[in-house]
């Protein structure tokens, strides 16, 4: 389902499809003795969901605030939706939506009242604000709850309304700063569906999150930050492959079978044996073909594993490995 577009006039001019929606080069921002952004670089093509990952204090929220013109940069160049962040902040603000870590909606008002209020604040007339509110309520499956006070919404519904409010003017770029913090699994899934729908409608999304599975599920591309700068970028699969090949993990019922299992899989390289977990792990550069060969080798050796899996490095492992490399301690 496509999201409806605001009919408000004066929207930014159409950009070349080759031009990135967001570009940042050598951004710097210092707070006293703390260098929050240190030569921060980022490029996001139009229509992508880009995940920005990093430990606490890495500079993710500072980067979002700088790109959204909420704070001044000390140096560097950045454009958002074709506008220069430092010299054309008004154009940037007219072209973006921003959802912070805390909901911005009024819990006393109903969902429709909230969206109408935001529409009027953004300069829409009373009728246009009402039409836009109804469009967004329908797009985010909130029509039935339109008149209910937001205080009675679930966490996922409240967050969807918050995102809907950021889309009043159909922004070219949407900043989502840890949008699912504190939500239960059902609420997170609701927000994930919403984010995918927004991207399909053509909006570029910059998502900061500490949930690595969230980035893995949603992001087309990912940048890992530490100490104020990007240390690695790529698709989730590209980042995982940089950490190493797929692995096969064999779990046996009896620890006495570990040596035989290790011998059976040794052709794939020197295996790692974990006696406590009763597992044998070996690299599998050929993927599923190696898994089938391992199954045949175990069968020939008379070993029936209780579990046999092909395992790819996880984004969690990539994140820990990359940030550990940057840790001076």
Protein backbone atom coordinates (compact mmCIF):
# COMPACT_ATOMS: atom_id res chain seq x y z
CA UNK A 1 0.00 0.00 0.00
CA UNK A 2 1.35 3.40 -0.97
CA UNK A 3 1.26 6.23 1.51
CA UNK A 4 -0.79 9.25 0.47
CA UNK A 5 1.06 12.45 -0.39
CA UNK A 6 0.36 15.83 1.08
CA UNK A 7 -1.04 18.29 -1.44
CA UNK A 8 0.71 21.24 0.16
CA UNK A 9 2.36 23.50 -2.42
CA UNK A 10 5.91 24.78 -2.20
CA UNK A 11 7.53 21.36 -1.77
CA UNK A 12 11.23 20.97 -2.65
CA UNK A 13 12.00 20.54 -6.37
CA UNK A 14 12.32 17.04 -7.81
CA UNK A 15 15.90 15.77 -7.51
CA UNK A 16 17.83 13.64 -9.97
CA UNK A 17 17.27 9.95 -9.17
CA UNK A 18 21.08 9.55 -9.17
CA UNK A 19 21.57 12.19 -6.47
CA UNK A 20 21.83 10.81 -2.93
CA UNK A 21 19.04 11.77 -0.56
CA UNK A 22 21.62 12.41 2.14
CA UNK A 23 25.33 13.12 1.94
CA UNK A 24 27.71 14.02 4.78
CA UNK A 25 31.45 14.64 4.52
CA UNK A 26 33.89 15.09 7.41
CA UNK A 27 31.31 16.39 9.88
CA UNK A 28 32.68 17.55 13.22
CA UNK A 29 30.88 18.54 16.41
CA UNK A 30 32.54 19.14 19.75
CA UNK A 31 30.94 19.54 23.17
CA UNK A 32 33.67 20.86 25.43
CA UNK A 33 36.36 18.19 25.55
CA UNK A 34 34.13 15.58 23.87
CA UNK A 35 34.35 15.19 20.09
CA UNK A 36 30.85 13.86 19.40
CA UNK A 37 31.33 13.75 15.61
CA UNK A 38 34.85 13.21 14.29
CA UNK A 39 35.08 13.25 10.47
CA UNK A 40 31.67 11.62 10.12
CA UNK A 41 30.90 10.53 6.51
CA UNK A 42 27.67 9.10 5.15
CA UNK A 43 25.92 8.71 1.78
CA UNK A 44 22.37 7.33 1.39
CA UNK A 45 20.77 6.84 -2.05
CA UNK A 46 17.12 7.80 -2.48
CA UNK A 47 14.47 5.35 -1.31
CA UNK A 48 16.76 3.30 0.94
CA UNK A 49 16.44 2.30 4.58
CA UNK A 50 19.89 2.92 6.06
CA UNK A 51 20.73 1.70 9.55
CA UNK A 52 23.14 3.65 11.73
CA UNK A 53 24.56 1.42 14.47
CA UNK A 54 26.94 2.10 17.32
CA UNK A 55 27.42 1.70 21.06
CA UNK A 56 26.12 4.30 23.50
CA UNK A 57 28.04 7.52 23.03
CA UNK A 58 29.14 6.66 19.48
CA UNK A 59 27.50 9.80 18.09
CA UNK A 60 24.37 8.39 16.41
CA UNK A 61 21.88 10.83 17.90
CA UNK A 62 24.30 13.73 17.44
CA UNK A 63 24.58 12.86 13.74
CA UNK A 64 20.79 12.81 13.38
CA UNK A 65 20.37 16.11 15.20
CA UNK A 66 23.05 17.73 13.04
CA UNK A 67 21.58 16.45 9.77
CA UNK A 68 18.12 17.58 10.89
CA UNK A 69 19.52 21.10 11.59
CA UNK A 70 18.75 20.86 15.31
CA UNK A 71 22.37 21.61 16.24
CA UNK A 72 25.10 23.58 14.49
CA UNK A 73 28.12 21.77 13.07
CA UNK A 74 31.65 22.94 13.78
CA UNK A 75 32.83 21.91 10.30
CA UNK A 76 32.09 19.63 7.37
CA UNK A 77 29.56 19.56 4.55
CA UNK A 78 26.17 17.87 4.38
CA UNK A 79 23.13 17.91 2.11
CA UNK A 80 19.69 16.46 2.80
CA UNK A 81 17.13 16.21 -0.02
CA UNK A 82 19.39 18.44 -2.12
CA UNK A 83 19.64 21.23 0.47
CA UNK A 84 22.81 22.25 2.30
CA UNK A 85 22.41 21.63 6.02
CA UNK A 86 24.45 24.65 7.05
CA UNK A 87 23.41 27.26 4.48
CA UNK A 88 19.85 26.10 3.63
CA UNK A 89 18.38 24.86 6.92
CA UNK A 90 14.86 25.99 6.01
CA UNK A 91 14.88 23.83 2.88
CA UNK A 92 16.14 20.86 4.89
CA UNK A 93 13.42 21.25 7.53
CA UNK A 94 10.72 21.44 4.84
CA UNK A 95 11.98 18.16 3.36
CA UNK A 96 12.38 15.91 6.42
CA UNK A 97 10.42 14.15 9.11
CA UNK A 98 11.93 13.36 12.50
CA UNK A 99 10.83 10.79 15.07
CA UNK A 100 12.82 11.01 18.29
CA UNK A 101 13.27 8.45 21.04
CA UNK A 102 10.27 9.79 22.99
CA UNK A 103 6.77 10.05 21.47
CA UNK A 104 5.76 13.61 20.57
CA UNK A 105 1.99 13.05 20.46
CA UNK A 106 -0.42 14.39 23.08
CA UNK A 107 -1.87 11.50 25.09
CA UNK A 108 -4.99 13.44 26.12
CA UNK A 109 -6.06 14.07 22.54
CA UNK A 110 -7.38 11.44 20.13
CA UNK A 111 -5.32 10.17 17.23
CA UNK A 112 -7.12 12.30 14.65
CA UNK A 113 -6.95 15.40 16.85
CA UNK A 114 -3.19 14.91 17.15
CA UNK A 115 -2.68 14.66 13.40
CA UNK A 116 -4.91 17.67 12.69
CA UNK A 117 -2.96 19.66 15.29
CA UNK A 118 0.36 18.73 13.65
CA UNK A 119 -1.06 19.57 10.24
CA UNK A 120 -2.06 23.05 11.41
CA UNK A 121 1.34 23.55 13.03
CA UNK A 122 2.96 22.63 9.72
CA UNK A 123 0.90 25.29 7.94
CA UNK A 124 -2.00 23.32 6.49
CA UNK A 125 -5.45 24.84 6.46
CA UNK A 126 -8.16 23.36 8.68
CA UNK A 127 -9.79 21.33 5.89
CA UNK A 128 -6.46 20.17 4.41
CA UNK A 129 -5.22 19.15 7.86
CA UNK A 130 -8.36 17.06 8.41
CA UNK A 131 -8.07 15.36 5.03
CA UNK A 132 -4.40 14.60 5.61
CA UNK A 133 -5.14 13.23 9.09
CA UNK A 134 -7.75 10.85 7.69
CA UNK A 135 -5.36 9.70 4.95
CA UNK A 136 -2.63 8.89 7.45
CA UNK A 137 -4.98 7.19 9.90
CA UNK A 138 -6.10 4.89 7.10
CA UNK A 139 -2.54 4.28 5.89
CA UNK A 140 -1.38 3.26 9.37
CA UNK A 141 -4.46 1.19 10.28
CA UNK A 142 -5.54 3.63 13.00
CA UNK A 143 -8.94 4.72 11.67
CA UNK A 144 -10.91 2.68 14.21
CA UNK A 145 -8.92 4.29 17.04
CA UNK A 146 -9.09 7.80 15.57
CA UNK A 147 -11.28 9.30 18.30
CA UNK A 148 -9.83 7.40 21.26
CA UNK A 149 -7.43 9.27 23.57
CA UNK A 150 -3.86 8.27 22.79
CA UNK A 151 -3.39 7.31 26.46
CA UNK A 152 -5.44 4.20 25.64
CA UNK A 153 -3.26 3.17 22.67
CA UNK A 154 -0.82 0.29 22.83
CA UNK A 155 2.88 1.12 22.57
CA UNK A 156 2.96 0.07 18.93
CA UNK A 157 -0.11 2.14 18.04
CA UNK A 158 1.29 5.19 19.80
CA UNK A 159 4.57 4.86 17.93
CA UNK A 160 2.78 4.43 14.58
CA UNK A 161 0.82 7.62 15.27
CA UNK A 162 4.08 9.38 16.11
CA UNK A 163 5.56 8.28 12.77
CA UNK A 164 2.36 9.31 10.96
CA UNK A 165 2.70 12.80 12.46
CA UNK A 166 6.21 13.06 11.00
CA UNK A 167 4.79 12.34 7.53
CA UNK A 168 2.23 15.16 7.43
CA UNK A 169 4.14 16.92 4.64
CA UNK A 170 5.34 13.76 2.82
CA UNK A 171 9.05 14.27 3.59
CA UNK A 172 11.78 13.12 1.22
CA UNK A 173 13.87 11.91 4.16
CA UNK A 174 12.66 10.49 7.47
CA UNK A 175 14.93 10.29 10.52
CA UNK A 176 13.99 7.57 13.01
CA UNK A 177 16.06 7.75 16.21
CA UNK A 178 15.64 4.42 18.03
CA UNK A 179 11.91 4.23 17.21
CA UNK A 180 11.16 0.90 18.92
CA UNK A 181 12.89 1.45 22.26
CA UNK A 182 10.72 0.07 25.05
CA UNK A 183 8.23 -1.70 22.78
CA UNK A 184 7.25 -5.35 23.18
CA UNK A 185 7.78 -7.75 20.24
CA UNK A 186 4.26 -7.15 18.87
CA UNK A 187 4.74 -3.38 18.98
CA UNK A 188 8.15 -3.65 17.32
CA UNK A 189 6.69 -5.73 14.47
CA UNK A 190 3.95 -3.14 13.95
CA UNK A 191 6.54 -0.37 13.65
CA UNK A 192 8.72 -2.51 11.34
CA UNK A 193 5.79 -2.96 8.95
CA UNK A 194 5.21 0.78 9.02
CA UNK A 195 8.85 1.57 8.20
CA UNK A 196 8.88 -0.87 5.27
CA UNK A 197 5.69 0.71 3.93
CA UNK A 198 7.22 4.20 4.14
CA UNK A 199 10.31 3.12 2.21
CA UNK A 200 8.22 1.39 -0.48
CA UNK A 201 6.39 4.69 -0.97
CA UNK A 202 9.73 6.34 -1.85
CA UNK A 203 10.83 8.04 1.36
CA UNK A 204 14.48 7.62 2.35
CA UNK A 205 14.81 6.42 5.96
CA UNK A 206 17.79 6.90 8.28
CA UNK A 207 17.29 4.56 11.22
CA UNK A 208 19.40 4.62 14.37
CA UNK A 209 18.96 1.60 16.60
CA UNK A 210 20.68 -0.47 19.26
CA UNK A 211 18.69 -3.55 18.24
CA UNK A 212 20.92 -5.30 15.74
CA UNK A 213 18.17 -7.69 14.66
CA UNK A 214 16.09 -4.62 13.80
CA UNK A 215 18.79 -3.29 11.48
CA UNK A 216 19.23 -6.76 9.98
CA UNK A 217 15.49 -7.03 9.28
CA UNK A 218 14.91 -3.52 7.95
CA UNK A 219 18.04 -1.91 6.55
CA UNK A 220 19.14 -2.09 2.92
CA UNK A 221 22.53 -0.77 4.00
CA UNK A 222 24.21 -0.23 7.36
CA UNK A 223 26.94 1.99 8.77
CA UNK A 224 28.64 1.07 12.04
CA UNK A 225 29.77 4.05 14.12
CA UNK A 226 32.22 4.37 16.98
CA UNK A 227 33.85 7.40 18.58
CA UNK A 228 32.04 9.84 16.32
CA UNK A 229 32.84 8.37 12.90
CA UNK A 230 31.78 5.55 10.59
CA UNK A 231 34.09 2.55 10.77
CA UNK A 232 32.40 0.26 8.23
CA UNK A 233 29.47 0.38 5.79
CA UNK A 234 27.73 -2.14 3.54
CA UNK A 235 24.69 -4.33 3.21
CA UNK A 236 24.00 -6.67 6.13
CA UNK A 237 25.26 -9.63 4.06
CA UNK A 238 28.43 -7.78 3.02
CA UNK A 239 29.25 -6.95 6.62
CA UNK A 240 28.68 -10.52 7.74
CA UNK A 241 30.88 -11.93 4.97
CA UNK A 242 33.72 -9.62 6.02
CA UNK A 243 33.76 -11.35 9.40
CA UNK A 244 34.26 -14.80 7.90
CA UNK A 245 32.70 -17.72 6.10
CA UNK A 246 29.55 -19.57 7.07
CA UNK A 247 30.03 -22.24 9.71
CA UNK A 248 28.59 -25.68 10.30
CA UNK A 249 27.80 -26.57 13.90
CA UNK A 250 27.36 -30.24 14.81
CA UNK A 251 25.82 -31.04 18.20
CA UNK A 252 26.07 -34.60 19.52
CA UNK A 253 24.18 -36.25 22.33
CA UNK A 254 27.23 -37.93 23.88
CA UNK A 255 30.52 -36.11 24.48
CA UNK A 256 32.28 -39.39 23.64
CA UNK A 257 31.29 -38.84 19.99
CA UNK A 258 33.03 -35.46 19.73
CA UNK A 259 36.38 -36.83 18.52
CA UNK A 260 34.74 -38.96 15.82
CA UNK A 261 32.55 -36.04 14.73
CA UNK A 262 35.62 -33.79 14.51
CA UNK A 263 37.39 -36.35 12.32
CA UNK A 264 34.33 -36.63 10.06
CA UNK A 265 34.22 -32.90 9.35
CA UNK A 266 37.97 -32.26 9.27
CA UNK A 267 38.04 -32.00 5.46
CA UNK A 268 36.42 -28.57 5.82
CA UNK A 269 39.34 -27.32 7.90
CA UNK A 270 40.49 -27.71 11.47
CA UNK A 271 37.30 -27.88 13.57
CA UNK A 272 36.68 -26.27 16.94
CA UNK A 273 35.42 -28.59 19.67
CA UNK A 274 33.38 -27.36 22.65
CA UNK A 275 33.09 -30.20 25.14
CA UNK A 276 30.72 -28.35 27.46
CA UNK A 277 28.25 -27.63 24.65
CA UNK A 278 29.01 -30.96 22.90
CA UNK A 279 29.54 -29.15 19.58
CA UNK A 280 31.99 -29.34 16.70
CA UNK A 281 32.25 -26.23 14.51
CA UNK A 282 33.95 -25.95 11.13
CA UNK A 283 34.02 -23.32 8.41
CA UNK A 284 31.72 -23.84 5.42
CA UNK A 285 32.80 -21.60 2.52
CA UNK A 286 30.61 -23.63 0.14
CA UNK A 287 27.47 -23.07 2.22
CA UNK A 288 24.68 -25.62 1.77
CA UNK A 289 26.92 -27.89 -0.34
CA UNK A 290 29.27 -28.19 2.64
CA UNK A 291 26.30 -28.91 4.91
CA UNK A 292 25.22 -31.83 2.72
CA UNK A 293 28.78 -33.18 2.60
CA UNK A 294 29.00 -32.97 6.39
CA UNK A 295 25.73 -34.86 6.80
CA UNK A 296 27.04 -37.64 4.54
CA UNK A 297 30.38 -37.79 6.41
CA UNK A 298 28.65 -38.07 9.77
CA UNK A 299 26.36 -40.79 8.46
CA UNK A 300 29.35 -42.74 7.13
CA UNK A 301 30.99 -42.44 10.54
CA UNK A 302 27.84 -43.76 12.20
CA UNK A 303 27.17 -40.52 14.09
CA UNK A 304 23.62 -39.22 14.44
CA UNK A 305 23.82 -35.59 15.61
CA UNK A 306 20.99 -34.10 17.62
CA UNK A 307 21.47 -30.86 15.70
CA UNK A 308 23.23 -29.92 12.46
CA UNK A 309 23.02 -26.31 11.30
CA UNK A 310 24.61 -23.97 8.78
CA UNK A 311 25.27 -20.73 10.59
CA UNK A 312 26.23 -17.37 9.11
CA UNK A 313 28.04 -14.76 11.23
CA UNK A 314 25.42 -12.59 12.92
CA UNK A 315 25.22 -8.82 12.84
CA UNK A 316 25.81 -8.92 16.59
CA UNK A 317 29.16 -10.63 15.99
CA UNK A 318 30.04 -8.13 13.25
CA UNK A 319 29.18 -5.23 15.54
CA UNK A 320 31.22 -6.57 18.45
CA UNK A 321 34.21 -7.35 16.23
CA UNK A 322 34.23 -3.93 14.55
CA UNK A 323 33.77 -1.89 17.71
CA UNK A 324 36.38 -3.99 19.55
CA UNK A 325 38.91 -3.14 16.82
CA UNK A 326 38.26 0.55 17.48
CA UNK A 327 38.50 0.26 21.28
CA UNK A 328 41.93 1.56 22.36
CA UNK A 329 41.77 -0.42 25.60
